[in-house]
Amino acid sequence: MMVFLSSSLALADDEETLREIKTKLWPTAYKTQNEKLLGSILHSSFQMIDVDGGRSDRQKELEYIRNNKWDPGEFRYVIERLDIYDDRFAIIDGTGDAEKYTYKSSNVFIKEDGQWKAVASHVSGYKEK
């Protein structure tokens, strides 16, 4: 019983951490052009496929926020799926909802040394309002 309880608490902590990363920290990094924060979220092997099918890596994302101000106006990310596998891998997907557009995204995370890091991101379904 104790093992189940402690693993349930760990799972709840991981879910809370992943929700904070995806709904608060990641958007904040882009809005504030905070390379250090984004760097702490993205794994060294991170790759993203954007809405146009282009591919970028961690370094390109850090360069992007350094050189581009993201101003979505009011923004929220609504998580529609959050699954954790083997206490080490996670999939998050949902909808980004900005003032003038919406999009879908999915992310893959890995937990290394107690820290969740994004290894992949895919954006699609971009629609202007």
Protein backbone atom coordinates (compact mmCIF):
# COMPACT_ATOMS: atom_id res chain seq x y z
CA MET A 1 0.00 0.00 0.00
CA MET A 2 2.78 2.42 0.86
CA VAL A 3 4.55 1.84 -2.48
CA PHE A 4 1.31 2.55 -4.34
CA LEU A 5 0.70 5.72 -2.34
CA SER A 6 4.20 7.10 -2.89
CA SER A 7 4.12 6.27 -6.62
CA SER A 8 0.70 7.95 -6.88
CA LEU A 9 2.10 11.07 -5.19
CA ALA A 10 5.12 11.06 -7.51
CA LEU A 11 2.82 10.75 -10.52
CA ALA A 12 0.70 13.67 -9.29
CA ASP A 13 3.86 15.76 -8.78
CA ASP A 14 5.08 14.91 -12.29
CA GLU A 15 1.70 15.81 -13.80
CA GLU A 16 1.70 19.13 -11.95
CA THR A 17 5.25 19.88 -13.10
CA LEU A 18 4.46 19.05 -16.72
CA ARG A 19 1.31 21.19 -16.63
CA GLU A 20 3.30 24.12 -15.29
CA ILE A 21 5.99 23.70 -17.95
CA LYS A 22 3.51 23.52 -20.82
CA THR A 23 0.91 26.08 -19.72
CA LYS A 24 3.08 28.64 -17.92
CA LEU A 25 6.85 28.34 -18.30
CA TRP A 26 7.06 27.58 -22.03
CA PRO A 27 4.77 30.46 -23.10
CA THR A 28 6.53 32.78 -20.65
CA ALA A 29 9.91 31.94 -22.17
CA TYR A 30 8.66 32.98 -25.63
CA LYS A 31 6.77 36.07 -24.42
CA THR A 32 9.74 37.40 -22.43
CA GLN A 33 12.44 36.20 -24.85
CA ASN A 34 14.00 34.29 -21.95
CA GLU A 35 16.59 32.01 -23.55
CA LYS A 36 17.73 30.64 -20.19
CA LEU A 37 14.20 29.55 -19.28
CA LEU A 38 13.56 28.00 -22.69
CA GLY A 39 16.96 26.31 -22.54
CA SER A 40 15.96 24.72 -19.24
CA ILE A 41 12.82 23.28 -20.87
CA LEU A 42 14.31 21.96 -24.11
CA HIS A 43 16.43 18.81 -24.14
CA SER A 44 19.75 19.00 -26.00
CA SER A 45 18.25 16.73 -28.69
CA PHE A 46 15.01 18.77 -29.02
CA GLN A 47 13.45 18.96 -32.48
CA MET A 48 10.31 20.78 -33.58
CA ILE A 49 8.15 20.48 -36.67
CA ASP A 50 6.31 23.73 -37.25
CA VAL A 51 2.94 24.38 -38.85
CA ASP A 52 4.55 24.61 -42.31
CA GLY A 53 6.43 21.33 -41.90
CA GLY A 54 9.76 23.03 -41.25
CA ARG A 55 12.11 21.51 -38.73
CA SER A 56 14.15 23.29 -36.09
CA ASP A 57 16.31 22.19 -33.20
CA ARG A 58 17.07 23.53 -29.73
CA GLN A 59 19.68 26.01 -30.94
CA LYS A 60 17.37 27.42 -33.63
CA GLU A 61 14.57 27.87 -31.08
CA LEU A 62 16.89 29.72 -28.71
CA GLU A 63 18.07 31.95 -31.58
CA TYR A 64 14.46 32.51 -32.62
CA ILE A 65 13.33 33.86 -29.25
CA ARG A 66 16.46 35.98 -28.99
CA ASN A 67 15.61 37.71 -32.29
CA ASN A 68 11.79 37.64 -32.36
CA LYS A 69 9.25 39.09 -29.96
CA TRP A 70 6.19 36.86 -29.58
CA ASP A 71 3.10 38.86 -28.75
CA PRO A 72 0.02 36.65 -28.94
CA GLY A 73 -2.03 39.01 -26.76
CA GLU A 74 -4.10 36.98 -24.34
CA PHE A 75 -2.89 33.40 -24.57
CA ARG A 76 -3.63 30.10 -22.93
CA TYR A 77 -2.66 26.53 -23.66
CA VAL A 78 -5.34 23.95 -22.94
CA ILE A 79 -3.98 20.47 -22.30
CA GLU A 80 -6.18 17.78 -23.82
CA ARG A 81 -3.86 14.84 -23.21
CA LEU A 82 -1.17 14.27 -20.60
CA ASP A 83 0.12 10.72 -20.31
CA ILE A 84 3.20 9.57 -18.42
CA TYR A 85 4.85 6.25 -19.27
CA ASP A 86 7.29 4.33 -17.07
CA ASP A 87 7.72 7.44 -14.86
CA ARG A 88 10.13 8.73 -17.51
CA PHE A 89 8.34 9.61 -20.74
CA ALA A 90 5.37 11.92 -21.25
CA ILE A 91 3.14 13.04 -24.08
CA ILE A 92 1.24 16.30 -23.88
CA ASP A 93 -1.07 17.65 -26.53
CA GLY A 94 -3.65 20.36 -26.68
CA THR A 95 -4.69 23.69 -28.13
CA GLY A 96 -2.90 27.01 -28.05
CA ASP A 97 -5.48 29.79 -27.97
CA ALA A 98 -4.24 33.32 -28.75
CA GLU A 99 -6.30 36.44 -29.45
CA LYS A 100 -6.01 36.12 -33.24
CA TYR A 101 -5.34 32.43 -33.83
CA THR A 102 -5.47 28.87 -32.49
CA TYR A 103 -3.27 25.86 -33.14
CA LYS A 104 -2.76 22.29 -32.01
CA SER A 105 0.51 20.98 -30.66
CA SER A 106 1.93 17.80 -29.27
CA ASN A 107 5.06 17.41 -27.18
CA VAL A 108 7.19 14.51 -26.03
CA PHE A 109 9.11 14.85 -22.76
CA ILE A 110 11.77 12.75 -21.09
CA LYS A 111 12.70 12.82 -17.42
CA GLU A 112 16.46 12.86 -16.85
CA ASP A 113 18.15 13.45 -13.52
CA GLY A 114 14.77 14.32 -12.02
CA GLN A 115 14.03 17.04 -14.60
CA TRP A 116 11.43 16.96 -17.37
CA LYS A 117 12.79 18.10 -20.76
CA ALA A 118 10.98 18.46 -24.08
CA VAL A 119 12.55 16.33 -26.82
CA ALA A 120 9.96 16.91 -29.54
CA SER A 121 7.22 19.33 -30.51
CA HIS A 122 4.81 19.32 -33.45
CA VAL A 123 2.50 22.19 -34.34
CA SER A 124 -0.43 21.89 -36.74
CA GLY A 125 -3.95 23.09 -37.35
CA TYR A 126 -3.12 26.81 -37.27
CA LYS A 127 -6.31 28.85 -37.78
CA GLU A 128 -6.85 32.58 -37.65
CA LYS A 129 -9.95 33.70 -35.77
